[in-house]
Each structure stands twice: as C-alpha cells, then as structure tokens.
PDB file of N, CA and C in Angstrom:
ATOM      1  N   UNK A   1     -19.362 112.764 115.249  1.00  0.00           N
ATOM      2  CA  UNK A   1     -18.106 111.770 114.524  1.00  0.00           C
ATOM      3  C   UNK A   1     -18.685 110.608 114.366  1.00  0.00           C
ATOM      4  N   UNK A   2     -18.916 110.352 113.034  1.00  0.00           N
ATOM      5  CA  UNK A   2     -19.089 108.930 112.986  1.00  0.00           C
ATOM      6  C   UNK A   2     -18.449 107.860 112.306  1.00  0.00           C
ATOM      7  N   UNK A   3     -18.901 106.752 112.164  1.00  0.00           N
ATOM      8  CA  UNK A   3     -18.042 105.328 112.396  1.00  0.00           C
ATOM      9  C   UNK A   3     -16.767 104.927 111.525  1.00  0.00           C
ATOM     10  N   UNK A   4     -16.879 105.776 110.348  1.00  0.00           N
ATOM     11  CA  UNK A   4     -16.033 105.485 109.627  1.00  0.00           C
ATOM     12  C   UNK A   4     -14.777 106.758 109.383  1.00  0.00           C
ATOM     13  N   UNK A   5     -15.399 107.893 109.824  1.00  0.00           N
ATOM     14  CA  UNK A   5     -14.560 108.667 110.702  1.00  0.00           C
ATOM     15  C   UNK A   5     -13.462 108.596 111.707  1.00  0.00           C
ATOM     16  N   UNK A   6     -14.153 107.962 112.844  1.00  0.00           N
ATOM     17  CA  UNK A   6     -13.437 107.757 113.988  1.00  0.00           C
ATOM     18  C   UNK A   6     -12.432 106.697 113.620  1.00  0.00           C
ATOM     19  N   UNK A   7     -12.883 105.634 112.336  1.00  0.00           N
ATOM     20  CA  UNK A   7     -11.942 104.942 112.153  1.00  0.00           C
ATOM     21  C   UNK A   7     -10.873 105.278 111.233  1.00  0.00           C
ATOM     22  N   UNK A   8     -11.029 106.012 110.034  1.00  0.00           N
ATOM     23  CA  UNK A   8      -9.928 106.369 109.707  1.00  0.00           C
ATOM     24  C   UNK A   8      -8.914 107.317 110.531  1.00  0.00           C
ATOM     25  N   UNK A   9      -9.451 108.196 111.440  1.00  0.00           N
ATOM     26  CA  UNK A   9      -8.710 108.388 112.669  1.00  0.00           C
ATOM     27  C   UNK A   9      -8.488 107.955 113.617  1.00  0.00           C
ATOM     28  N   UNK A  10      -8.347 106.989 113.156  1.00  0.00           N
ATOM     29  CA  UNK A  10      -8.016 105.502 114.386  1.00  0.00           C
ATOM     30  C   UNK A  10      -8.131 106.044 115.764  1.00  0.00           C
ATOM     31  N   UNK A  11      -9.414 106.342 116.230  1.00  0.00           N
ATOM     32  CA  UNK A  11     -10.257 106.832 116.890  1.00  0.00           C
ATOM     33  C   UNK A  11     -10.700 105.115 117.956  1.00  0.00           C
ATOM     34  N   UNK A  12     -11.167 105.214 119.262  1.00  0.00           N
ATOM     35  CA  UNK A  12     -11.600 104.357 119.734  1.00  0.00           C
ATOM     36  C   UNK A  12     -13.078 104.100 119.376  1.00  0.00           C
ATOM     37  N   UNK A  13     -13.274 102.687 119.086  1.00  0.00           N
ATOM     38  CA  UNK A  13     -14.777 102.375 118.348  1.00  0.00           C
ATOM     39  C   UNK A  13     -16.041 101.993 119.479  1.00  0.00           C
ATOM     40  N   UNK A  14     -15.487 102.349 120.466  1.00  0.00           N
ATOM     41  CA  UNK A  14     -16.744 102.622 121.782  1.00  0.00           C
ATOM     42  C   UNK A  14     -17.086 104.522 121.877  1.00  0.00           C
ATOM     43  N   UNK A  15     -16.009 105.638 121.866  1.00  0.00           N
ATOM     44  CA  UNK A  15     -16.429 106.648 122.301  1.00  0.00           C
ATOM     45  C   UNK A  15     -16.075 107.346 121.420  1.00  0.00           C
ATOM     46  N   UNK A  16     -15.304 106.810 120.399  1.00  0.00           N
ATOM     47  CA  UNK A  16     -14.805 107.873 119.110  1.00  0.00           C
ATOM     48  C   UNK A  16     -13.623 108.967 119.395  1.00  0.00           C
ATOM     49  N   UNK A  17     -12.840 109.318 120.960  1.00  0.00           N
ATOM     50  CA  UNK A  17     -12.179 110.309 121.322  1.00  0.00           C
ATOM     51  C   UNK A  17     -11.287 109.212 121.868  1.00  0.00           C
ATOM     52  N   UNK A  18     -10.820 108.818 121.789  1.00  0.00           N
ATOM     53  CA  UNK A  18      -9.461 107.711 122.697  1.00  0.00           C
ATOM     54  C   UNK A  18      -8.810 107.625 121.826  1.00  0.00           C
ATOM     55  N   UNK A  19      -7.784 107.856 121.609  1.00  0.00           N
ATOM     56  CA  UNK A  19      -6.200 107.706 120.063  1.00  0.00           C
ATOM     57  C   UNK A  19      -6.588 105.831 120.054  1.00  0.00           C
ATOM     58  N   UNK A  20      -6.109 105.322 119.563  1.00  0.00           N
ATOM     59  CA  UNK A  20      -6.044 103.549 119.118  1.00  0.00           C
ATOM     60  C   UNK A  20      -4.049 103.573 120.124  1.00  0.00           C
ATOM     61  N   UNK A  21      -3.219 104.164 118.977  1.00  0.00           N
ATOM     62  CA  UNK A  21      -2.126 104.066 119.007  1.00  0.00           C
ATOM     63  C   UNK A  21      -1.280 105.085 119.690  1.00  0.00           C
ATOM     64  N   UNK A  22      -0.004 105.085 120.537  1.00  0.00           N
ATOM     65  CA  UNK A  22       0.361 105.816 121.353  1.00  0.00           C
ATOM     66  C   UNK A  22       0.569 107.647 120.470  1.00  0.00           C
ATOM     67  N   UNK A  23       1.107 107.218 119.025  1.00  0.00           N
ATOM     68  CA  UNK A  23       1.440 108.588 118.727  1.00  0.00           C
ATOM     69  C   UNK A  23       0.364 108.592 117.521  1.00  0.00           C
ATOM     70  N   UNK A  24       0.535 109.825 117.004  1.00  0.00           N
ATOM     71  CA  UNK A  24      -0.090 109.392 115.439  1.00  0.00           C
ATOM     72  C   UNK A  24       1.069 109.474 114.005  1.00  0.00           C
ATOM     73  N   UNK A  25       2.131 109.443 113.770  1.00  0.00           N
ATOM     74  CA  UNK A  25       3.224 109.044 113.467  1.00  0.00           C
ATOM     75  C   UNK A  25       2.850 108.009 112.757  1.00  0.00           C
ATOM     76  N   UNK A  26       2.615 107.892 111.825  1.00  0.00           N
ATOM     77  CA  UNK A  26       2.397 106.673 110.817  1.00  0.00           C
ATOM     78  C   UNK A  26       4.274 106.348 111.028  1.00  0.00           C
ATOM     79  N   UNK A  27       4.894 106.824 110.378  1.00  0.00           N
ATOM     80  CA  UNK A  27       6.553 106.465 109.865  1.00  0.00           C
ATOM     81  C   UNK A  27       7.459 106.193 111.582  1.00  0.00           C
ATOM     82  N   UNK A  28       6.896 106.109 111.891  1.00  0.00           N
ATOM     83  CA  UNK A  28       7.490 106.456 113.877  1.00  0.00           C
ATOM     84  C   UNK A  28       8.094 104.711 114.221  1.00  0.00           C
ATOM     85  N   UNK A  29       8.820 104.319 113.753  1.00  0.00           N
ATOM     86  CA  UNK A  29       9.453 103.110 113.204  1.00  0.00           C
ATOM     87  C   UNK A  29       9.357 102.247 114.910  1.00  0.00           C
ATOM     88  N   UNK A  30       9.879 102.873 115.911  1.00  0.00           N
ATOM     89  CA  UNK A  30       9.950 102.498 117.711  1.00  0.00           C
ATOM     90  C   UNK A  30       9.068 102.074 117.664  1.00  0.00           C
ATOM     91  N   UNK A  31       7.386 103.060 117.080  1.00  0.00           N
ATOM     92  CA  UNK A  31       5.913 103.288 118.143  1.00  0.00           C
ATOM     93  C   UNK A  31       4.986 103.151 116.919  1.00  0.00           C
ATOM     94  N   UNK A  32       5.409 102.064 115.897  1.00  0.00           N
ATOM     95  CA  UNK A  32       4.338 102.010 114.806  1.00  0.00           C
ATOM     96  C   UNK A  32       3.499 101.173 115.454  1.00  0.00           C
ATOM     97  N   UNK A  33       3.478 100.113 115.938  1.00  0.00           N
ATOM     98  CA  UNK A  33       3.130  99.473 116.473  1.00  0.00           C
ATOM     99  C   UNK A  33       2.125  99.248 118.031  1.00  0.00           C
ATOM    100  N   UNK A  34       2.834 100.282 118.575  1.00  0.00           N
ATOM    101  CA  UNK A  34       2.015 100.404 120.144  1.00  0.00           C
ATOM    102  C   UNK A  34       0.636 100.900 120.258  1.00  0.00           C
ATOM    103  N   UNK A  35       0.244 100.406 120.889  1.00  0.00           N
ATOM    104  CA  UNK A  35      -1.296 100.833 120.994  1.00  0.00           C
ATOM    105  C   UNK A  35      -1.378 100.714 122.408  1.00  0.00           C
ATOM    106  N   UNK A  36      -2.343 101.794 123.053  1.00  0.00           N
ATOM    107  CA  UNK A  36      -2.888 101.479 124.061  1.00  0.00           C
ATOM    108  C   UNK A  36      -3.309 100.505 124.648  1.00  0.00           C
ATOM    109  N   UNK A  37      -3.154  99.836 125.635  1.00  0.00           N
ATOM    110  CA  UNK A  37      -4.215  98.854 126.009  1.00  0.00           C
ATOM    111  C   UNK A  37      -5.372  98.928 126.633  1.00  0.00           C
ATOM    112  N   UNK A  38      -6.265 100.032 127.019  1.00  0.00           N
ATOM    113  CA  UNK A  38      -7.725 100.490 127.419  1.00  0.00           C
ATOM    114  C   UNK A  38      -7.057 102.074 126.233  1.00  0.00           C
ATOM    115  N   UNK A  39      -8.827 102.360 126.278  1.00  0.00           N
ATOM    116  CA  UNK A  39      -9.329 103.345 125.874  1.00  0.00           C
ATOM    117  C   UNK A  39      -8.692 104.665 126.782  1.00  0.00           C
ATOM    118  N   UNK A  40      -7.871 105.505 126.169  1.00  0.00           N
ATOM    119  CA  UNK A  40      -7.582 107.059 127.246  1.00  0.00           C
ATOM    120  C   UNK A  40      -9.345 107.544 128.089  1.00  0.00           C
ATOM    121  N   UNK A  41      -9.691 107.371 127.129  1.00  0.00           N
ATOM    122  CA  UNK A  41     -11.406 108.313 127.458  1.00  0.00           C
ATOM    123  C   UNK A  41     -12.404 107.226 128.370  1.00  0.00           C
ATOM    124  N   UNK A  42     -12.761 106.355 127.997  1.00  0.00           N
ATOM    125  CA  UNK A  42     -13.700 105.285 128.164  1.00  0.00           C
ATOM    126  C   UNK A  42     -13.534 104.309 128.722  1.00  0.00           C
ATOM    127  N   UNK A  43     -11.866 103.313 128.998  1.00  0.00           N
ATOM    128  CA  UNK A  43     -11.308 102.844 129.602  1.00  0.00           C
ATOM    129  C   UNK A  43     -11.456 101.120 128.434  1.00  0.00           C
ATOM    130  N   UNK A  44     -12.053 100.984 127.451  1.00  0.00           N
ATOM    131  CA  UNK A  44     -12.505 100.296 126.399  1.00  0.00           C
ATOM    132  C   UNK A  44     -11.372  99.379 126.203  1.00  0.00           C
ATOM    133  N   UNK A  45     -10.956  98.256 126.860  1.00  0.00           N
ATOM    134  CA  UNK A  45      -9.847  97.470 126.287  1.00  0.00           C
ATOM    135  C   UNK A  45      -9.973  96.942 125.068  1.00  0.00           C
ATOM    136  N   UNK A  46      -9.034  97.536 123.982  1.00  0.00           N
ATOM    137  CA  UNK A  46      -8.565  96.828 123.124  1.00  0.00           C
ATOM    138  C   UNK A  46      -8.485  95.863 122.704  1.00  0.00           C
ATOM    139  N   UNK A  47      -7.585  95.067 123.156  1.00  0.00           N
ATOM    140  CA  UNK A  47      -7.539  93.302 122.903  1.00  0.00           C
ATOM    141  C   UNK A  47      -8.078  92.605 123.617  1.00  0.00           C
ATOM    142  N   UNK A  48      -9.418  92.353 123.521  1.00  0.00           N
ATOM    143  CA  UNK A  48      -9.791  91.514 123.710  1.00  0.00           C
ATOM    144  C   UNK A  48      -9.328  89.791 124.289  1.00  0.00           C
ATOM    145  N   UNK A  49      -8.042  89.687 123.883  1.00  0.00           N
ATOM    146  CA  UNK A  49      -7.837  88.088 123.871  1.00  0.00           C
ATOM    147  C   UNK A  49      -6.525  87.680 123.435  1.00  0.00           C
ATOM    148  N   UNK A  50      -5.649  87.142 123.761  1.00  0.00           N
ATOM    149  CA  UNK A  50      -4.654  87.091 123.362  1.00  0.00           C
ATOM    150  C   UNK A  50      -4.786  86.833 121.581  1.00  0.00           C
ATOM    151  N   UNK A  51      -4.010  87.276 120.650  1.00  0.00           N
ATOM    152  CA  UNK A  51      -4.390  87.021 118.931  1.00  0.00           C
ATOM    153  C   UNK A  51      -5.431  87.508 118.650  1.00  0.00           C
ATOM    154  N   UNK A  52      -6.239  88.543 119.673  1.00  0.00           N
ATOM    155  CA  UNK A  52      -7.597  89.217 118.872  1.00  0.00           C
ATOM    156  C   UNK A  52      -7.020  89.878 117.403  1.00  0.00           C
ATOM    157  N   UNK A  53      -6.132  90.282 116.908  1.00  0.00           N
ATOM    158  CA  UNK A  53      -5.396  90.753 116.353  1.00  0.00           C
ATOM    159  C   UNK A  53      -4.953  90.454 114.839  1.00  0.00           C
ATOM    160  N   UNK A  54      -4.928  89.272 115.172  1.00  0.00           N
ATOM    161  CA  UNK A  54      -4.619  88.545 114.030  1.00  0.00           C
ATOM    162  C   UNK A  54      -5.359  88.600 112.893  1.00  0.00           C
ATOM    163  N   UNK A  55      -6.836  88.457 112.989  1.00  0.00           N
ATOM    164  CA  UNK A  55      -7.895  89.113 112.191  1.00  0.00           C
ATOM    165  C   UNK A  55      -7.720  90.436 111.303  1.00  0.00           C
ATOM    166  N   UNK A  56      -7.494  90.931 111.525  1.00  0.00           N
ATOM    167  CA  UNK A  56      -6.976  92.432 110.962  1.00  0.00           C
ATOM    168  C   UNK A  56      -5.711  91.903 110.077  1.00  0.00           C
ATOM    169  N   UNK A  57      -5.443  90.945 109.469  1.00  0.00           N
ATOM    170  CA  UNK A  57      -4.583  90.323 108.911  1.00  0.00           C
ATOM    171  C   UNK A  57      -5.444  90.416 107.316  1.00  0.00           C
ATOM    172  N   UNK A  58      -6.442  90.158 107.185  1.00  0.00           N
ATOM    173  CA  UNK A  58      -7.228  89.959 106.389  1.00  0.00           C
ATOM    174  C   UNK A  58      -7.638  90.823 106.056  1.00  0.00           C
ATOM    175  N   UNK A  59      -8.183  92.212 106.773  1.00  0.00           N
ATOM    176  CA  UNK A  59      -8.746  93.035 106.448  1.00  0.00           C
ATOM    177  C   UNK A  59      -7.421  93.771 105.540  1.00  0.00           C
ATOM    178  N   UNK A  60      -6.209  93.565 106.689  1.00  0.00           N
ATOM    179  CA  UNK A  60      -4.825  94.350 105.655  1.00  0.00           C
ATOM    180  C   UNK A  60      -4.935  93.511 103.698  1.00  0.00           C
ATOM    181  N   UNK A  61      -4.955  92.257 104.067  1.00  0.00           N
ATOM    182  CA  UNK A  61      -4.889  91.661 102.858  1.00  0.00           C
ATOM    183  C   UNK A  61      -5.936  92.310 102.024  1.00  0.00           C
ATOM    184  N   UNK A  62      -7.297  92.378 102.038  1.00  0.00           N
ATOM    185  CA  UNK A  62      -8.262  92.956 101.363  1.00  0.00           C
ATOM    186  C   UNK A  62      -7.648  94.194 100.792  1.00  0.00           C
ATOM    187  N   UNK A  63      -7.358  95.203 101.606  1.00  0.00           N
ATOM    188  CA  UNK A  63      -7.472  96.584 101.052  1.00  0.00           C
ATOM    189  C   UNK A  63      -5.910  96.875 100.221  1.00  0.00           C
ATOM    190  N   UNK A  64      -5.199  95.831 100.616  1.00  0.00           N
ATOM    191  CA  UNK A  64      -3.741  95.380  99.797  1.00  0.00           C
ATOM    192  C   UNK A  64      -4.319  95.115  98.395  1.00  0.00           C
ATOM    193  N   UNK A  65      -5.435  93.833  98.174  1.00  0.00           N
ATOM    194  CA  UNK A  65      -6.209  93.469  97.090  1.00  0.00           C
ATOM    195  C   UNK A  65      -6.464  94.212  96.520  1.00  0.00           C
ATOM    196  N   UNK A  66      -7.511  95.655  97.063  1.00  0.00           N
ATOM    197  CA  UNK A  66      -8.101  96.119  96.355  1.00  0.00           C
ATOM    198  C   UNK A  66      -7.262  97.291  95.755  1.00  0.00           C
ATOM    199  N   UNK A  67      -6.277  97.895  96.396  1.00  0.00           N
ATOM    200  CA  UNK A  67      -5.419  98.855  95.913  1.00  0.00           C
ATOM    201  C   UNK A  67      -4.304  97.773  94.555  1.00  0.00           C
ATOM    202  N   UNK A  68      -4.599  96.548  94.470  1.00  0.00           N
ATOM    203  CA  UNK A  68      -3.483  96.435  93.464  1.00  0.00           C
ATOM    204  C   UNK A  68      -4.458  95.613  92.263  1.00  0.00           C
ATOM    205  N   UNK A  69      -5.458  95.673  92.318  1.00  0.00           N
ATOM    206  CA  UNK A  69      -6.370  95.471  91.483  1.00  0.00           C
ATOM    207  C   UNK A  69      -6.520  96.715  90.512  1.00  0.00           C
ATOM    208  N   UNK A  70      -6.968  98.214  91.643  1.00  0.00           N
ATOM    209  CA  UNK A  70      -7.122  99.294  90.710  1.00  0.00           C
ATOM    210  C   UNK A  70      -5.890 100.354  90.049  1.00  0.00           C
ATOM    211  N   UNK A  71      -4.890  99.103  90.845  1.00  0.00           N
ATOM    212  CA  UNK A  71      -3.116  99.933  90.084  1.00  0.00           C
ATOM    213  C   UNK A  71      -3.323  99.389  89.097  1.00  0.00           C
ATOM    214  N   UNK A  72      -3.084  97.968  88.994  1.00  0.00           N
ATOM    215  CA  UNK A  72      -3.487  97.149  87.162  1.00  0.00           C
ATOM    216  C   UNK A  72      -4.477  97.646  86.462  1.00  0.00           C
ATOM    217  N   UNK A  73      -5.671  98.315  86.742  1.00  0.00           N
ATOM    218  CA  UNK A  73      -6.597  98.099  85.895  1.00  0.00           C
ATOM    219  C   UNK A  73      -6.224  99.910  85.467  1.00  0.00           C
ATOM    220  N   UNK A  74      -5.694 101.115  85.929  1.00  0.00           N
ATOM    221  CA  UNK A  74      -5.495 102.113  86.017  1.00  0.00           C
ATOM    222  C   UNK A  74      -4.100 101.622  84.658  1.00  0.00           C
ATOM    223  N   UNK A  75      -3.346 100.706  85.223  1.00  0.00           N
ATOM    224  CA  UNK A  75      -1.917 100.373  84.221  1.00  0.00           C
ATOM    225  C   UNK A  75      -2.708 100.248  82.721  1.00  0.00           C
ATOM    226  N   UNK A  76      -3.500  99.597  82.639  1.00  0.00           N
ATOM    227  CA  UNK A  76      -3.853  98.957  81.681  1.00  0.00           C
ATOM    228  C   UNK A  76      -4.461 100.155  80.637  1.00  0.00           C
ATOM    229  N   UNK A  77      -5.595 100.730  81.097  1.00  0.00           N
ATOM    230  CA  UNK A  77      -6.317 101.715  80.730  1.00  0.00           C
ATOM    231  C   UNK A  77      -5.431 102.946  80.299  1.00  0.00           C
ATOM    232  N   UNK A  78      -4.283 103.302  81.426  1.00  0.00           N
ATOM    233  CA  UNK A  78      -3.989 104.239  81.174  1.00  0.00           C
ATOM    234  C   UNK A  78      -2.329 104.051  80.524  1.00  0.00           C
ATOM    235  N   UNK A  79      -1.712 103.479  80.659  1.00  0.00           N
ATOM    236  CA  UNK A  79      -0.461 103.295  80.297  1.00  0.00           C
ATOM    237  C   UNK A  79       0.313 102.291  79.758  1.00  0.00           C
ATOM    238  N   UNK A  80      -0.538 101.268  79.483  1.00  0.00           N
ATOM    239  CA  UNK A  80      -0.627  99.590  78.667  1.00  0.00           C
ATOM    240  C   UNK A  80       0.767  99.445  77.695  1.00  0.00           C
ATOM    241  N   UNK A  81       0.968 100.374  75.958  1.00  0.00           N
ATOM    242  CA  UNK A  81       1.897  99.934  76.151  1.00  0.00           C
ATOM    243  C   UNK A  81       3.047 101.363  75.961  1.00  0.00           C
ATOM    244  N   UNK A  82       2.942 101.743  76.930  1.00  0.00           N
ATOM    245  CA  UNK A  82       3.654 103.456  77.573  1.00  0.00           C
ATOM    246  C   UNK A  82       4.459 103.343  78.231  1.00  0.00           C
ATOM    247  N   UNK A  83       4.377 101.833  78.999  1.00  0.00           N
ATOM    248  CA  UNK A  83       5.351 102.239  79.874  1.00  0.00           C
ATOM    249  C   UNK A  83       5.720 100.845  80.592  1.00  0.00           C
ATOM    250  N   UNK A  84       6.961 100.236  80.698  1.00  0.00           N
ATOM    251  CA  UNK A  84       7.151  99.254  80.656  1.00  0.00           C
ATOM    252  C   UNK A  84       6.694  98.378  81.738  1.00  0.00           C
ATOM    253  N   UNK A  85       6.473  96.920  82.043  1.00  0.00           N
ATOM    254  CA  UNK A  85       5.020  96.528  82.797  1.00  0.00           C
ATOM    255  C   UNK A  85       6.358  96.617  84.249  1.00  0.00           C
ATOM    256  N   UNK A  86       7.499  96.373  83.778  1.00  0.00           N
ATOM    257  CA  UNK A  86       9.160  96.693  85.054  1.00  0.00           C
ATOM    258  C   UNK A  86       8.715  97.327  85.922  1.00  0.00           C
ATOM    259  N   UNK A  87       8.566  98.524  85.245  1.00  0.00           N
ATOM    260  CA  UNK A  87       8.476  99.873  85.636  1.00  0.00           C
ATOM    261  C   UNK A  87       7.094  99.743  86.809  1.00  0.00           C
ATOM    262  N   UNK A  88       5.545  98.964  86.132  1.00  0.00           N
ATOM    263  CA  UNK A  88       5.014  99.599  87.165  1.00  0.00           C
ATOM    264  C   UNK A  88       5.391  98.218  88.354  1.00  0.00           C
ATOM    265  N   UNK A  89       5.630  97.437  87.838  1.00  0.00           N
ATOM    266  CA  UNK A  89       5.494  96.354  89.220  1.00  0.00           C
ATOM    267  C   UNK A  89       6.383  97.161  90.271  1.00  0.00           C
ATOM    268  N   UNK A  90       7.450  97.035  89.426  1.00  0.00           N
ATOM    269  CA  UNK A  90       8.666  97.748  91.279  1.00  0.00           C
ATOM    270  C   UNK A  90       8.026  99.082  91.578  1.00  0.00           C
ATOM    271  N   UNK A  91       6.599  99.879  91.014  1.00  0.00           N
ATOM    272  CA  UNK A  91       6.379 101.334  91.259  1.00  0.00           C
ATOM    273  C   UNK A  91       5.492 100.865  92.143  1.00  0.00           C
ATOM    274  N   UNK A  92       4.603  99.474  92.127  1.00  0.00           N
ATOM    275  CA  UNK A  92       3.381  99.354  92.548  1.00  0.00           C
ATOM    276  C   UNK A  92       4.463  98.652  94.478  1.00  0.00           C
ATOM    277  N   UNK A  93       5.346  97.712  94.442  1.00  0.00           N
ATOM    278  CA  UNK A  93       6.060  97.340  95.504  1.00  0.00           C
ATOM    279  C   UNK A  93       6.830  98.308  96.293  1.00  0.00           C
ATOM    280  N   UNK A  94       6.845  99.719  95.503  1.00  0.00           N
ATOM    281  CA  UNK A  94       7.411 101.061  96.346  1.00  0.00           C
ATOM    282  C   UNK A  94       6.152 101.739  97.233  1.00  0.00           C
ATOM    283  N   UNK A  95       5.305 101.433  96.108  1.00  0.00           N
ATOM    284  CA  UNK A  95       3.846 102.041  97.072  1.00  0.00           C
ATOM    285  C   UNK A  95       3.825 101.507  97.951  1.00  0.00           C
ATOM    286  N   UNK A  96       3.616 100.226  98.322  1.00  0.00           N
ATOM    287  CA  UNK A  96       3.446  99.450  98.750  1.00  0.00           C
ATOM    288  C   UNK A  96       3.752  99.055 100.277  1.00  0.00           C
ATOM    289  N   UNK A  97       5.369  99.280 100.199  1.00  0.00           N
ATOM    290  CA  UNK A  97       6.245  99.449 101.429  1.00  0.00           C
ATOM    291  C   UNK A  97       5.430 100.850 101.998  1.00  0.00           C
ATOM    292  N   UNK A  98       5.637 102.039 101.278  1.00  0.00           N
ATOM    293  CA  UNK A  98       5.128 103.154 101.700  1.00  0.00           C
ATOM    294  C   UNK A  98       3.993 103.527 102.394  1.00  0.00           C
ATOM    295  N   UNK A  99       3.134 102.119 101.925  1.00  0.00           N
ATOM    296  CA  UNK A  99       1.792 102.465 102.612  1.00  0.00           C
ATOM    297  C   UNK A  99       1.708 101.618 104.119  1.00  0.00           C
ATOM    298  N   UNK A 100       2.022 100.475 104.106  1.00  0.00           N
ATOM    299  CA  UNK A 100       2.464  99.533 105.016  1.00  0.00           C
ATOM    300  C   UNK A 100       1.927 100.112 105.960  1.00  0.00           C
ATOM    301  N   UNK A 101       2.436 101.314 106.389  1.00  0.00           N
ATOM    302  CA  UNK A 101       2.127 101.310 108.384  1.00  0.00           C
ATOM    303  C   UNK A 101       0.753 101.828 108.635  1.00  0.00           C
ATOM    304  N   UNK A 102       0.659 102.696 107.198  1.00  0.00           N
ATOM    305  CA  UNK A 102      -0.533 103.117 107.591  1.00  0.00           C
ATOM    306  C   UNK A 102      -2.510 102.263 107.138  1.00  0.00           C
ATOM    307  N   UNK A 103      -2.011 101.117 106.760  1.00  0.00           N
ATOM    308  CA  UNK A 103      -2.508  99.560 105.913  1.00  0.00           C
ATOM    309  C   UNK A 103      -2.478  98.615 107.546  1.00  0.00           C
ATOM    310  N   UNK A 104      -1.369  99.199 108.039  1.00  0.00           N
ATOM    311  CA  UNK A 104      -1.766  98.460 109.877  1.00  0.00           C
ATOM    312  C   UNK A 104      -2.228  98.622 110.472  1.00  0.00           C
ATOM    313  N   UNK A 105      -2.285  99.833 111.163  1.00  0.00           N
ATOM    314  CA  UNK A 105      -2.753 100.613 111.899  1.00  0.00           C
ATOM    315  C   UNK A 105      -4.576 100.765 111.605  1.00  0.00           C
ATOM    316  N   UNK A 106      -4.553 101.074 110.319  1.00  0.00           N
ATOM    317  CA  UNK A 106      -6.237 101.143 110.089  1.00  0.00           C
ATOM    318  C   UNK A 106      -6.689  99.816 109.329  1.00  0.00           C
ATOM    319  N   UNK A 107      -6.505  98.530 109.231  1.00  0.00           N
ATOM    320  CA  UNK A 107      -6.881  97.064 109.587  1.00  0.00           C
ATOM    321  C   UNK A 107      -7.245  97.263 110.794  1.00  0.00           C
ATOM    322  N   UNK A 108      -6.036  97.759 111.986  1.00  0.00           N
ATOM    323  CA  UNK A 108      -6.656  96.972 113.192  1.00  0.00           C
ATOM    324  C   UNK A 108      -7.712  97.953 113.514  1.00  0.00           C
ATOM    325  N   UNK A 109      -7.801  98.963 112.874  1.00  0.00           N
ATOM    326  CA  UNK A 109      -8.928 100.345 113.399  1.00  0.00           C
ATOM    327  C   UNK A 109     -10.257  99.200 112.752  1.00  0.00           C
ATOM    328  N   UNK A 110     -10.264  98.776 111.984  1.00  0.00           N
ATOM    329  CA  UNK A 110     -11.473  98.454 111.117  1.00  0.00           C
ATOM    330  C   UNK A 110     -11.918  97.246 112.034  1.00  0.00           C
ATOM    331  N   UNK A 111     -10.697  96.336 112.385  1.00  0.00           N
ATOM    332  CA  UNK A 111     -10.883  95.435 113.060  1.00  0.00           C
ATOM    333  C   UNK A 111     -11.961  95.539 114.323  1.00  0.00           C
ATOM    334  N   UNK A 112     -11.339  96.487 114.729  1.00  0.00           N
ATOM    335  CA  UNK A 112     -12.243  97.103 116.608  1.00  0.00           C
ATOM    336  C   UNK A 112     -13.495  97.455 116.165  1.00  0.00           C
ATOM    337  N   UNK A 113     -13.397  98.503 115.097  1.00  0.00           N
ATOM    338  CA  UNK A 113     -15.066  98.938 114.742  1.00  0.00           C
ATOM    339  C   UNK A 113     -15.790  97.180 114.567  1.00  0.00           C
ATOM    340  N   UNK A 114     -15.264  96.517 113.793  1.00  0.00           N
ATOM    341  CA  UNK A 114     -16.347  95.469 113.308  1.00  0.00           C
ATOM    342  C   UNK A 114     -16.909  94.854 114.964  1.00  0.00           C
ATOM    343  N   UNK A 115     -15.875  94.427 116.072  1.00  0.00           N
ATOM    344  CA  UNK A 115     -16.451  93.870 116.988  1.00  0.00           C
ATOM    345  C   UNK A 115     -16.802  95.215 118.315  1.00  0.00           C
ATOM    346  N   UNK A 116     -17.021  95.820 117.845  1.00  0.00           N
ATOM    347  CA  UNK A 116     -17.390  97.353 119.257  1.00  0.00           C
ATOM    348  C   UNK A 116     -18.818  98.224 118.673  1.00  0.00           C
ATOM    349  N   UNK A 117     -19.592  98.133 119.484  1.00  0.00           N
ATOM    350  CA  UNK A 117     -20.091  99.872 118.700  1.00  0.00           C
ATOM    351  C   UNK A 117     -20.634 100.825 119.541  1.00  0.00           C
ATOM    352  N   UNK A 118     -20.702 101.368 118.798  1.00  0.00           N
ATOM    353  CA  UNK A 118     -20.506 102.860 119.427  1.00  0.00           C
ATOM    354  C   UNK A 118     -21.401 103.370 120.872  1.00  0.00           C
ATOM    355  N   UNK A 119     -20.641 103.686 121.719  1.00  0.00           N
ATOM    356  CA  UNK A 119     -21.703 103.480 123.124  1.00  0.00           C
ATOM    357  C   UNK A 119     -21.037 105.448 123.482  1.00  0.00           C
ATOM    358  N   UNK A 120     -21.625 106.474 123.261  1.00  0.00           N
ATOM    359  CA  UNK A 120     -20.774 107.353 123.658  1.00  0.00           C
ATOM    360  C   UNK A 120     -21.453 107.917 125.337  1.00  0.00           C
ATOM    361  N   UNK A 121     -20.312 108.175 125.953  1.00  0.00           N
ATOM    362  CA  UNK A 121     -20.630 108.842 127.345  1.00  0.00           C
ATOM    363  C   UNK A 121     -21.649 109.466 127.557  1.00  0.00           C
ATOM    364  N   UNK A 122     -22.099 109.752 128.246  1.00  0.00           N
ATOM    365  CA  UNK A 122     -23.006 110.371 129.086  1.00  0.00           C
ATOM    366  C   UNK A 122     -23.112 111.283 130.278  1.00  0.00           C
ATOM    367  N   UNK A 123     -22.767 112.372 130.753  1.00  0.00           N
ATOM    368  CA  UNK A 123     -22.113 113.218 131.238  1.00  0.00           C
ATOM    369  C   UNK A 123     -23.759 113.983 132.119  1.00  0.00           C
TER     370      UNK A 123
END
C-alpha cells in the first residue's frame, strides 16, 4: 500500500495497517472525532503533543478551497445563465455540509502523513 492509498484509507502513516479512527463510518456522529491514541499495529502515538492536530485545519481549508474553486468554475462553464446563482450557492453549502466529516478525517490523515515516515515492521 502506498502513501496516498494509506492516507485515503486513513491508515497509520508508519505501518499503513492500523486504523486512525475507531470507526470507519464517517457519519457516526458520536464517534466522528474518536481516534485511537496509538496505532493498534505498530503502537505509533498519533497525537505527538497537545494541539498537534490544529495544523490539520489548514489542510481542511485547502481541500475546501479546491472544491469551491472547482465547483465555481464548473458552474460558470456549464450552468452560467441556465441556473440561478442562489441555487448554486445553496447546493454548494449542502455539498460542504455532507462532505465535512470526510474532510475532517482526511485532513488529519494527511497531517499525520506529513510528519511521519513509512517504516514497515519486519518480522
């Protein structure tokens, strides 16, 4: 498994086997933010220090900006005068609300990948 695949599947950045989150369901509202403290496979501590994941907010903002720019370009290229701009705005707000749980988790996964190297365990 390569780094991109491990990041998208939200696996441990060191061993690419252990899960980052306690549940794989992005819409489990009670467990949306629940992460394992350590990797279940290689015991890597995920949160290095208090506030470590504040940096993931920058990643989340970048992902949201990319989606917004892509959606705006698509709107002007395909729907410019045929669809009212208010429909575009409200549909984009709905889209953002629906993908927020995935973006939240993905940004944490990317943030961990930035600060950890892949080191497979040799048995």
